[in-house]
C-alpha cells in the first residue's frame, strides 16, 4: 500500500473526462454568447433581465468545474495528505450559494413588480431602415439560448453517467431548467404583446423559482458530499450498491469470515474503510499484513472509482451499519 498515491482514471474514463472538459469550455463560451445577445435586447422587460442573469449564472458551474479539474488530480501533500479530490465539491458549493442568493433576489424583484403592477414598455428598434417591435428580437435571442441549453443538456447527460459526475449531472439539470425558463420568458413577452401586463413579471418569477430550485438542489447535494454521505445514485437520493458489492467480494476471500464497509464520495472517487474478521488460520499464519495489502489492491476492481481503500483486520464486527439513517 502506498499512502498518498495519486488517483488514475482508467483509459476509457479519461477520454470521457477530456470530453467533459471540452463540454465545460463549450458551455462557458456558448452561454456567454447567448447572454450577450439577450443583454443587447433586454429593454425594460423583467423576464429578459432575469433570463440574462440566468444565462450568466448557468455559465458559472462549468467555469468552476474547469478550475476544479485543474486541481483535483494534484499530488497529495503534507498539508493535504488525502489529495485535492474535494475541489470539485468546493467549487460547486460556491456556485450553489451564488445561484440560491441571486435567485431569491430575482424572485423578490419579480414579485414586487407584480404587486406594484408595473407595466413593462417593449418598444421598437430600427433595422435596415425599418421599424420592428423589440419583442421579436427578444423572442429570437431567447429561442437561440433555448437551443443552446437543450444541446448542452443532451451532450452532458451521457458523460455524467459514464463518470458518475454529480457536478456534470447538476449542470445538465440546470441546462434543462434554463431552456424551460426561457420558453416561459417567450410566453411572457407574447402575453405582454396581447396586453396582459402581468405576463412579463410572472415569467420572470417562474425563471427565478427555477434558479432557486437549482441552487437548493446543488447546495443540498454538495453539503451531503462534504458531510461524507454514503455513495448515492447519480441524480437521486437513493444509496448506491457499491458498498454491498464490496462487502460481498471481501467475504468471498478464503481468509475472511465477515466484513463491513464504510465508504464516502470525494468528487469523482470513492474512499473509505473495509473491516474484515480474519479466519483463525489467517490470524495464525503470520501473513495477515500481506493478505490485507493484496486484498486492498484486488477489491479496488469492484468499481473503478475506488481509491484509498483501507482494509483493516478486526477481532469482531458487532454491527455492520449505524442504527439510524
Protein backbone atom coordinates (compact mmCIF):
# COMPACT_ATOMS: atom_id res chain seq x y z
CA UNK A 1 0.00 0.00 0.00
CA UNK A 2 1.29 3.47 -0.89
CA UNK A 3 -0.23 6.26 1.25
CA UNK A 4 -0.93 9.38 -0.76
CA UNK A 5 -0.97 7.59 -4.12
CA UNK A 6 -2.48 9.72 -6.90
CA UNK A 7 -5.73 8.51 -8.44
CA UNK A 8 -5.55 7.47 -12.10
CA UNK A 9 -8.62 7.40 -14.33
CA UNK A 10 -8.96 4.26 -16.49
CA UNK A 11 -8.25 4.92 -20.18
CA UNK A 12 -11.91 4.94 -21.23
CA UNK A 13 -12.89 7.18 -18.31
CA UNK A 14 -10.02 9.53 -19.07
CA UNK A 15 -11.43 10.02 -22.57
CA UNK A 16 -14.80 10.89 -21.01
CA UNK A 17 -13.07 13.27 -18.63
CA UNK A 18 -11.45 15.08 -21.55
CA UNK A 19 -14.85 15.24 -23.21
CA UNK A 20 -16.23 16.75 -20.00
CA UNK A 21 -13.50 19.41 -20.15
CA UNK A 22 -14.40 20.27 -23.75
CA UNK A 23 -18.08 20.47 -22.85
CA UNK A 24 -17.27 22.81 -19.97
CA UNK A 25 -15.37 25.15 -22.29
CA UNK A 26 -18.17 24.99 -24.88
CA UNK A 27 -20.73 25.73 -22.16
CA UNK A 28 -18.91 28.83 -20.94
CA UNK A 29 -18.42 30.23 -24.44
CA UNK A 30 -21.90 29.46 -25.81
CA UNK A 31 -23.72 30.67 -22.70
CA UNK A 32 -21.76 33.92 -22.67
CA UNK A 33 -22.61 34.46 -26.35
CA UNK A 34 -26.29 33.81 -25.62
CA UNK A 35 -26.13 36.07 -22.57
CA UNK A 36 -24.58 38.87 -24.62
CA UNK A 37 -27.32 38.64 -27.25
CA UNK A 38 -30.02 38.71 -24.56
CA UNK A 39 -28.33 41.71 -22.90
CA UNK A 40 -28.42 43.63 -26.19
CA UNK A 41 -32.20 43.10 -26.47
CA UNK A 42 -33.16 43.20 -22.79
CA UNK A 43 -35.01 46.54 -22.95
CA UNK A 44 -37.29 47.13 -19.94
CA UNK A 45 -38.50 43.52 -19.75
CA UNK A 46 -38.20 41.90 -16.34
CA UNK A 47 -38.37 38.44 -17.92
CA UNK A 48 -35.48 39.30 -20.26
CA UNK A 49 -33.43 40.70 -17.40
CA UNK A 50 -34.00 37.53 -15.38
CA UNK A 51 -33.24 35.32 -18.42
CA UNK A 52 -29.99 37.24 -18.92
CA UNK A 53 -28.98 36.69 -15.28
CA UNK A 54 -29.94 33.02 -15.63
CA UNK A 55 -27.66 32.63 -18.68
CA UNK A 56 -24.74 34.28 -16.90
CA UNK A 57 -25.25 32.17 -13.77
CA UNK A 58 -25.52 28.97 -15.80
CA UNK A 59 -22.01 29.70 -17.14
CA UNK A 60 -20.61 29.76 -13.59
CA UNK A 61 -20.78 25.97 -12.86
CA UNK A 62 -18.79 24.88 -15.95
CA UNK A 63 -16.23 27.60 -15.21
CA UNK A 64 -15.98 26.34 -11.63
CA UNK A 65 -15.66 22.77 -12.91
CA UNK A 66 -12.77 23.75 -15.18
CA UNK A 67 -11.00 25.36 -12.22
CA UNK A 68 -11.62 22.29 -10.03
CA UNK A 69 -10.38 19.89 -12.73
CA UNK A 70 -7.01 21.67 -12.70
CA UNK A 71 -6.59 20.79 -9.02
CA UNK A 72 -8.38 17.51 -8.27
CA UNK A 73 -5.56 15.29 -9.56
CA UNK A 74 -2.70 17.17 -7.91
CA UNK A 75 -0.27 15.10 -5.87
CA UNK A 76 -1.17 14.80 -2.17
CA UNK A 77 0.97 16.98 0.10
CA UNK A 78 1.90 17.09 3.79
CA UNK A 79 -0.82 19.67 4.35
CA UNK A 80 -3.39 17.79 2.23
CA UNK A 81 -2.43 14.12 2.58
CA UNK A 82 -5.81 12.94 1.21
CA UNK A 83 -5.34 14.87 -2.03
CA UNK A 84 -7.47 17.54 -3.68
CA UNK A 85 -10.44 15.47 -4.84
CA UNK A 86 -12.92 17.66 -2.95
CA UNK A 87 -12.00 20.68 -5.07
CA UNK A 88 -14.98 19.82 -7.32
CA UNK A 89 -17.31 19.91 -4.31
CA UNK A 90 -15.83 23.18 -3.06
CA UNK A 91 -16.28 24.82 -6.47
CA UNK A 92 -19.91 23.76 -6.60
CA UNK A 93 -20.56 24.91 -3.05
CA UNK A 94 -19.66 28.43 -4.22
CA UNK A 95 -21.79 28.04 -7.35
CA UNK A 96 -24.81 26.75 -5.42
CA UNK A 97 -24.54 29.63 -2.96
CA UNK A 98 -24.49 32.20 -5.77
CA UNK A 99 -27.46 30.58 -7.52
CA UNK A 100 -29.51 30.48 -4.34
CA UNK A 101 -28.84 34.07 -3.27
CA UNK A 102 -29.28 35.65 -6.70
CA UNK A 103 -32.35 33.53 -7.45
CA UNK A 104 -34.04 34.66 -4.24
CA UNK A 105 -33.28 38.30 -5.05
CA UNK A 106 -34.69 38.00 -8.58
CA UNK A 107 -37.80 36.26 -7.24
CA UNK A 108 -38.36 39.09 -4.77
CA UNK A 109 -37.83 41.68 -7.51
CA UNK A 110 -40.31 39.96 -9.84
CA UNK A 111 -42.98 39.58 -7.15
CA UNK A 112 -42.66 43.26 -6.22
CA UNK A 113 -43.30 44.23 -9.83
CA UNK A 114 -46.42 42.08 -9.80
CA UNK A 115 -47.62 43.63 -6.55
CA UNK A 116 -46.95 47.17 -7.81
CA UNK A 117 -48.49 46.28 -11.19
CA UNK A 118 -45.57 47.75 -13.14
CA UNK A 119 -46.18 47.59 -16.88
CA UNK A 120 -43.05 46.86 -18.94
CA UNK A 121 -42.66 49.03 -22.04
CA UNK A 122 -41.50 46.98 -25.02
CA UNK A 123 -40.70 49.49 -27.72
CA UNK A 124 -39.38 49.28 -31.25
CA UNK A 125 -35.99 49.16 -32.90
CA UNK A 126 -34.83 50.33 -36.31
CA UNK A 127 -33.14 47.77 -38.51
CA UNK A 128 -32.17 48.32 -42.16
CA UNK A 129 -34.37 51.39 -42.26
CA UNK A 130 -37.47 49.61 -40.94
CA UNK A 131 -39.15 49.73 -37.55
CA UNK A 132 -39.55 46.41 -35.75
CA UNK A 133 -41.19 45.52 -32.47
CA UNK A 134 -38.41 44.80 -29.96
CA UNK A 135 -40.32 41.77 -28.71
CA UNK A 136 -39.46 39.86 -31.89
CA UNK A 137 -35.74 40.39 -31.25
CA UNK A 138 -36.25 39.26 -27.65
CA UNK A 139 -38.03 36.11 -28.76
CA UNK A 140 -35.31 35.36 -31.34
CA UNK A 141 -32.47 35.64 -28.82
CA UNK A 142 -34.38 33.58 -26.28
CA UNK A 143 -35.01 30.87 -28.89
CA UNK A 144 -31.28 30.81 -29.69
CA UNK A 145 -30.43 30.49 -25.99
CA UNK A 146 -33.04 27.74 -25.61
CA UNK A 147 -31.41 25.70 -28.37
CA UNK A 148 -28.02 26.01 -26.64
CA UNK A 149 -29.47 24.81 -23.33
CA UNK A 150 -31.15 21.84 -24.97
CA UNK A 151 -27.99 20.86 -26.87
CA UNK A 152 -25.67 21.15 -23.85
CA UNK A 153 -28.04 19.22 -21.60
CA UNK A 154 -28.25 16.33 -24.07
CA UNK A 155 -24.47 16.21 -24.54
CA UNK A 156 -23.65 16.30 -20.82
CA UNK A 157 -26.05 13.60 -19.64
CA UNK A 158 -24.22 10.51 -21.06
CA UNK A 159 -20.80 11.86 -19.97
CA UNK A 160 -22.10 12.48 -16.44
CA UNK A 161 -23.41 8.90 -16.30
CA UNK A 162 -20.11 7.45 -17.59
CA UNK A 163 -18.06 9.35 -14.99
CA UNK A 164 -20.72 9.26 -12.27
CA UNK A 165 -20.14 13.01 -12.07
CA UNK A 166 -22.69 14.70 -9.84
CA UNK A 167 -21.26 18.07 -10.82
CA UNK A 168 -21.82 17.49 -14.54
CA UNK A 169 -25.23 15.90 -13.92
CA UNK A 170 -26.25 19.02 -11.97
CA UNK A 171 -25.12 21.13 -14.95
CA UNK A 172 -27.31 19.06 -17.29
CA UNK A 173 -30.27 19.68 -14.95
CA UNK A 174 -29.51 23.40 -14.96
CA UNK A 175 -29.37 23.49 -18.77
CA UNK A 176 -32.77 21.78 -18.87
CA UNK A 177 -34.20 24.30 -16.40
CA UNK A 178 -32.64 27.11 -18.43
CA UNK A 179 -34.36 26.29 -21.71
CA UNK A 180 -37.66 25.71 -19.92
CA UNK A 181 -37.31 29.10 -18.22
CA UNK A 182 -36.56 30.82 -21.50
CA UNK A 183 -39.62 29.20 -23.01
CA UNK A 184 -41.60 30.76 -20.16
CA UNK A 185 -39.98 34.14 -20.94
CA UNK A 186 -41.13 33.90 -24.57
CA UNK A 187 -44.67 33.20 -23.40
CA UNK A 188 -44.44 36.17 -21.03
CA UNK A 189 -43.37 38.54 -23.81
CA UNK A 190 -46.19 37.32 -26.06
CA UNK A 191 -48.68 37.89 -23.23
CA UNK A 192 -47.46 41.48 -22.95
CA UNK A 193 -47.96 41.86 -26.71
CA UNK A 194 -51.62 40.93 -26.20
CA UNK A 195 -51.99 43.49 -23.43
CA UNK A 196 -51.55 41.18 -20.42
CA UNK A 197 -49.04 43.29 -18.47
CA UNK A 198 -48.50 40.66 -15.77
CA UNK A 199 -47.09 38.09 -18.21
CA UNK A 200 -43.59 39.57 -18.16
CA UNK A 201 -43.20 39.65 -14.36
CA UNK A 202 -44.89 36.25 -13.99
CA UNK A 203 -42.41 34.70 -16.44
CA UNK A 204 -39.54 36.34 -14.55
CA UNK A 205 -40.86 34.90 -11.28
CA UNK A 206 -41.02 31.42 -12.87
CA UNK A 207 -37.40 31.71 -14.06
CA UNK A 208 -36.36 32.88 -10.57
CA UNK A 209 -38.03 29.87 -8.98
CA UNK A 210 -36.05 27.60 -11.34
CA UNK A 211 -32.80 29.36 -10.34
CA UNK A 212 -33.63 28.94 -6.64
CA UNK A 213 -34.56 25.28 -7.18
CA UNK A 214 -31.23 24.59 -8.94
CA UNK A 215 -29.33 26.41 -6.21
CA UNK A 216 -31.09 24.47 -3.45
CA UNK A 217 -30.64 21.11 -5.23
CA UNK A 218 -26.92 21.74 -5.73
CA UNK A 219 -26.47 23.09 -2.20
CA UNK A 220 -28.12 20.03 -0.63
CA UNK A 221 -26.04 17.72 -2.81
CA UNK A 222 -22.70 19.34 -2.10
CA UNK A 223 -23.36 19.61 1.65
CA UNK A 224 -24.17 15.87 1.72
CA UNK A 225 -20.86 15.16 -0.03
CA UNK A 226 -18.90 17.35 2.38
CA UNK A 227 -20.65 15.58 5.28
CA UNK A 228 -19.26 12.27 3.95
CA UNK A 229 -22.61 10.89 2.84
CA UNK A 230 -22.57 7.28 1.64
CA UNK A 231 -22.35 6.97 -2.17
CA UNK A 232 -25.72 7.76 -3.74
CA UNK A 233 -27.24 7.06 -7.15
CA UNK A 234 -26.50 9.77 -9.71
CA UNK A 235 -29.19 12.43 -9.55
CA UNK A 236 -31.17 10.55 -6.87
CA UNK A 237 -31.38 10.34 -3.08
CA UNK A 238 -31.19 6.53 -3.11
CA UNK A 239 -27.94 4.97 -1.88
CA UNK A 240 -25.67 3.07 -4.26
CA UNK A 241 -24.99 -0.67 -4.22
CA UNK A 242 -21.18 -0.36 -4.32
CA UNK A 243 -20.72 -0.86 -0.53
CA UNK A 244 -22.81 -4.05 -0.66
CA UNK A 245 -20.82 -5.33 -3.66
CA UNK A 246 -17.53 -4.57 -1.91
CA UNK A 247 -18.67 -6.40 1.23
CA UNK A 248 -19.75 -9.44 -0.78
CA UNK A 249 -16.43 -9.50 -2.67
CA UNK A 250 -14.48 -9.33 0.59
CA UNK A 251 -16.44 -12.17 2.17
CA UNK A 252 -15.66 -14.35 -0.85
CA UNK A 253 -11.95 -14.24 0.10
CA UNK A 254 -10.98 -17.58 1.64
CA UNK A 255 -9.35 -15.96 4.68
CA UNK A 256 -12.24 -13.62 5.62
CA UNK A 257 -15.11 -14.68 7.88
CA UNK A 258 -17.09 -11.44 7.89
CA UNK A 259 -16.74 -7.90 6.51
CA UNK A 260 -18.24 -4.44 6.95
CA UNK A 261 -17.79 -1.40 4.69
CA UNK A 262 -17.81 2.37 5.18
CA UNK A 263 -17.46 4.49 2.01
CA UNK A 264 -17.77 8.17 1.15
CA UNK A 265 -17.68 10.18 -2.06
CA UNK A 266 -14.89 12.69 -2.71
CA UNK A 267 -15.53 14.33 -6.05
CA UNK A 268 -15.12 11.60 -8.67
CA UNK A 269 -13.73 8.95 -6.30
CA UNK A 270 -14.93 6.68 -3.51
CA UNK A 271 -12.76 6.12 -0.45
CA UNK A 272 -13.21 4.54 2.94
CA UNK A 273 -12.57 1.51 5.09
CA UNK A 274 -13.22 -2.21 4.81
CA UNK A 275 -13.24 -4.01 8.16
CA UNK A 276 -12.60 -7.76 7.96
CA UNK A 277 -12.65 -10.54 10.55
CA UNK A 278 -9.88 -12.98 9.53
CA UNK A 279 -10.28 -16.73 9.95
CA UNK A 280 -8.35 -18.45 12.75
CA UNK A 281 -5.87 -19.89 10.24
CA UNK A 282 -5.25 -16.47 8.67
CA UNK A 283 -4.53 -14.96 12.08
CA UNK A 284 -2.08 -17.74 12.89
CA UNK A 285 -0.04 -17.99 9.66
CA UNK A 286 1.78 -14.66 10.13
CA UNK A 287 0.90 -13.35 6.65
CA UNK A 288 -2.05 -11.17 7.62
CA UNK A 289 -0.35 -7.93 6.57
CA UNK A 290 0.38 -9.32 3.09
CA UNK A 291 -3.18 -10.62 2.77
CA UNK A 292 -4.74 -7.25 3.62
CA UNK A 293 -2.41 -5.41 1.22
CA UNK A 294 -3.31 -7.76 -1.65
CA UNK A 295 -7.00 -7.52 -0.77
CA UNK A 296 -6.88 -3.72 -0.91
CA UNK A 297 -5.47 -3.91 -4.45
CA UNK A 298 -7.83 -6.63 -5.66
CA UNK A 299 -11.01 -5.16 -4.22
CA UNK A 300 -10.44 -1.83 -5.94
CA UNK A 301 -11.55 -3.68 -9.06
CA UNK A 302 -15.12 -3.80 -7.73
CA UNK A 303 -15.60 -0.23 -9.00
CA UNK A 304 -13.21 2.00 -10.95
CA UNK A 305 -13.89 4.91 -8.59
CA UNK A 306 -12.50 3.15 -5.51
CA UNK A 307 -9.31 4.81 -4.28
CA UNK A 308 -7.56 4.93 -0.93
CA UNK A 309 -9.41 1.85 0.31
CA UNK A 310 -8.13 0.74 3.72
CA UNK A 311 -8.54 -2.93 4.65
CA UNK A 312 -8.45 -3.26 8.43
CA UNK A 313 -8.43 -6.62 10.26
CA UNK A 314 -10.57 -6.56 13.43
CA UNK A 315 -11.36 -9.28 16.01
CA UNK A 316 -15.13 -8.95 15.55
CA UNK A 317 -17.85 -6.83 13.93
CA UNK A 318 -20.71 -6.06 16.26
CA UNK A 319 -22.82 -4.03 13.82
CA UNK A 320 -22.37 -3.54 10.08
CA UNK A 321 -24.43 -0.36 9.77
CA UNK A 322 -25.37 2.50 12.11
CA UNK A 323 -28.81 2.08 13.72
CA UNK A 324 -30.27 5.26 12.13
CA UNK A 325 -30.36 6.83 8.67
